[in-house]
Amino acid sequence: MELIDRLREIMKNNYGIETDNDLIEAAENHTGIDLGIFVTPLREEEVCAKAI
């Protein structure tokens, strides 16, 4: 079984996505992931690591 076939089967079974249009609609309506924790700068008084 080709990778694309396995991915299509997983998308169908887990998410009900059967067509390209289903996938496009799901992607457009997805709320996304909040990556703020990774891009928010630290304040000067915060220390995220100390040298040993």
N, C-alpha and C. Protein backbone atom coordinates (compact mmCIF):
# COMPACT_ATOMS: atom_id res chain seq x y z
N MET A 1 0.85 -1.17 0.00
CA MET A 1 0.00 0.00 0.00
C MET A 1 0.90 1.25 0.00
N GLU A 2 0.63 2.15 -0.90
CA GLU A 2 1.38 3.39 -1.01
C GLU A 2 1.08 4.30 0.18
N LEU A 3 2.01 5.19 0.48
CA LEU A 3 1.85 6.13 1.58
C LEU A 3 0.58 6.96 1.43
N ILE A 4 0.32 7.45 0.23
CA ILE A 4 -0.87 8.27 0.00
C ILE A 4 -2.14 7.50 0.30
N ASP A 5 -2.17 6.22 -0.04
CA ASP A 5 -3.34 5.39 0.25
C ASP A 5 -3.53 5.22 1.75
N ARG A 6 -2.42 5.03 2.46
CA ARG A 6 -2.51 4.87 3.92
C ARG A 6 -2.99 6.16 4.56
N LEU A 7 -2.48 7.32 4.09
CA LEU A 7 -2.91 8.60 4.62
C LEU A 7 -4.38 8.86 4.35
N ARG A 8 -4.83 8.53 3.14
CA ARG A 8 -6.25 8.71 2.81
C ARG A 8 -7.13 7.85 3.71
N GLU A 9 -6.70 6.62 3.99
CA GLU A 9 -7.46 5.73 4.85
C GLU A 9 -7.53 6.27 6.29
N ILE A 10 -6.42 6.77 6.78
CA ILE A 10 -6.39 7.35 8.13
C ILE A 10 -7.29 8.58 8.20
N MET A 11 -7.20 9.46 7.20
CA MET A 11 -8.04 10.67 7.19
C MET A 11 -9.52 10.31 7.15
N LYS A 12 -9.86 9.28 6.39
CA LYS A 12 -11.26 8.86 6.28
C LYS A 12 -11.74 8.26 7.60
N ASN A 13 -10.96 7.35 8.17
CA ASN A 13 -11.38 6.65 9.39
C ASN A 13 -11.39 7.55 10.62
N ASN A 14 -10.39 8.41 10.75
CA ASN A 14 -10.26 9.22 11.96
C ASN A 14 -10.99 10.55 11.90
N TYR A 15 -11.11 11.13 10.70
CA TYR A 15 -11.65 12.48 10.59
C TYR A 15 -12.82 12.61 9.63
N GLY A 16 -13.19 11.55 8.95
CA GLY A 16 -14.30 11.61 8.01
C GLY A 16 -13.96 12.37 6.74
N ILE A 17 -12.70 12.55 6.45
CA ILE A 17 -12.27 13.29 5.26
C ILE A 17 -12.05 12.28 4.13
N GLU A 18 -12.89 12.39 3.10
CA GLU A 18 -12.84 11.42 1.99
C GLU A 18 -12.40 12.04 0.67
N THR A 19 -12.62 13.33 0.49
CA THR A 19 -12.30 13.96 -0.79
C THR A 19 -11.32 15.11 -0.57
N ASP A 20 -10.75 15.60 -1.67
CA ASP A 20 -9.87 16.76 -1.59
C ASP A 20 -10.63 17.97 -1.05
N ASN A 21 -11.89 18.11 -1.46
CA ASN A 21 -12.71 19.22 -0.97
C ASN A 21 -12.95 19.12 0.53
N ASP A 22 -13.16 17.91 1.05
CA ASP A 22 -13.30 17.72 2.49
C ASP A 22 -12.04 18.18 3.22
N LEU A 23 -10.88 17.84 2.67
CA LEU A 23 -9.61 18.21 3.28
C LEU A 23 -9.41 19.72 3.25
N ILE A 24 -9.71 20.35 2.13
CA ILE A 24 -9.58 21.80 2.01
C ILE A 24 -10.50 22.50 3.00
N GLU A 25 -11.74 22.03 3.10
CA GLU A 25 -12.69 22.63 4.03
C GLU A 25 -12.22 22.48 5.47
N ALA A 26 -11.72 21.30 5.83
CA ALA A 26 -11.22 21.07 7.19
C ALA A 26 -10.04 21.98 7.49
N ALA A 27 -9.13 22.16 6.53
CA ALA A 27 -7.97 23.02 6.73
C ALA A 27 -8.38 24.48 6.88
N GLU A 28 -9.35 24.92 6.10
CA GLU A 28 -9.80 26.31 6.17
C GLU A 28 -10.54 26.60 7.47
N ASN A 29 -11.21 25.60 8.04
CA ASN A 29 -11.99 25.80 9.26
C ASN A 29 -11.23 25.46 10.53
N HIS A 30 -9.98 24.99 10.38
CA HIS A 30 -9.17 24.61 11.53
C HIS A 30 -8.76 25.87 12.30
N THR A 31 -8.88 25.82 13.62
CA THR A 31 -8.55 26.99 14.43
C THR A 31 -7.06 27.20 14.57
N GLY A 32 -6.27 26.20 14.31
CA GLY A 32 -4.82 26.34 14.41
C GLY A 32 -4.31 26.03 15.80
N ILE A 33 -3.01 26.15 15.96
CA ILE A 33 -2.35 25.85 17.21
C ILE A 33 -1.76 27.15 17.76
N ASP A 34 -1.93 27.38 19.04
CA ASP A 34 -1.37 28.57 19.67
C ASP A 34 0.10 28.34 19.94
N LEU A 35 0.96 28.99 19.18
CA LEU A 35 2.41 28.86 19.34
C LEU A 35 3.00 30.00 20.16
N GLY A 36 2.16 30.75 20.83
CA GLY A 36 2.60 31.92 21.58
C GLY A 36 3.70 31.63 22.58
N ILE A 37 3.65 30.50 23.23
CA ILE A 37 4.67 30.17 24.21
C ILE A 37 6.06 30.09 23.59
N PHE A 38 6.13 29.79 22.32
CA PHE A 38 7.42 29.65 21.65
C PHE A 38 7.94 30.95 21.05
N VAL A 39 7.08 31.94 20.92
CA VAL A 39 7.49 33.18 20.27
C VAL A 39 7.39 34.40 21.18
N THR A 40 6.88 34.24 22.39
CA THR A 40 6.77 35.35 23.33
C THR A 40 8.12 35.62 23.96
N PRO A 41 8.65 36.83 23.84
CA PRO A 41 9.96 37.12 24.42
C PRO A 41 9.90 37.10 25.95
N LEU A 42 11.00 36.71 26.56
CA LEU A 42 11.10 36.72 28.02
C LEU A 42 11.33 38.14 28.49
N ARG A 43 10.83 38.43 29.68
CA ARG A 43 11.14 39.73 30.29
C ARG A 43 12.57 39.66 30.81
N GLU A 44 13.20 40.79 30.98
CA GLU A 44 14.61 40.82 31.38
C GLU A 44 14.86 40.11 32.69
N GLU A 45 13.92 40.18 33.62
CA GLU A 45 14.15 39.58 34.93
C GLU A 45 13.96 38.06 34.93
N GLU A 46 13.41 37.52 33.87
CA GLU A 46 13.20 36.08 33.79
C GLU A 46 14.47 35.37 33.31
N VAL A 47 14.74 34.26 33.92
CA VAL A 47 15.90 33.46 33.51
C VAL A 47 15.37 32.10 33.12
N CYS A 48 15.66 31.68 31.89
CA CYS A 48 15.15 30.39 31.44
C CYS A 48 16.17 29.27 31.65
N ALA A 49 17.44 29.63 31.86
CA ALA A 49 18.47 28.61 32.12
C ALA A 49 19.63 29.30 32.82
N LYS A 50 20.31 28.55 33.66
CA LYS A 50 21.48 29.07 34.35
C LYS A 50 22.69 28.21 33.98
N ALA A 51 23.82 28.87 33.84
CA ALA A 51 25.06 28.14 33.57
C ALA A 51 25.45 27.36 34.81
N ILE A 52 26.00 26.20 34.61
CA ILE A 52 26.41 25.36 35.74
C ILE A 52 27.88 25.64 36.04
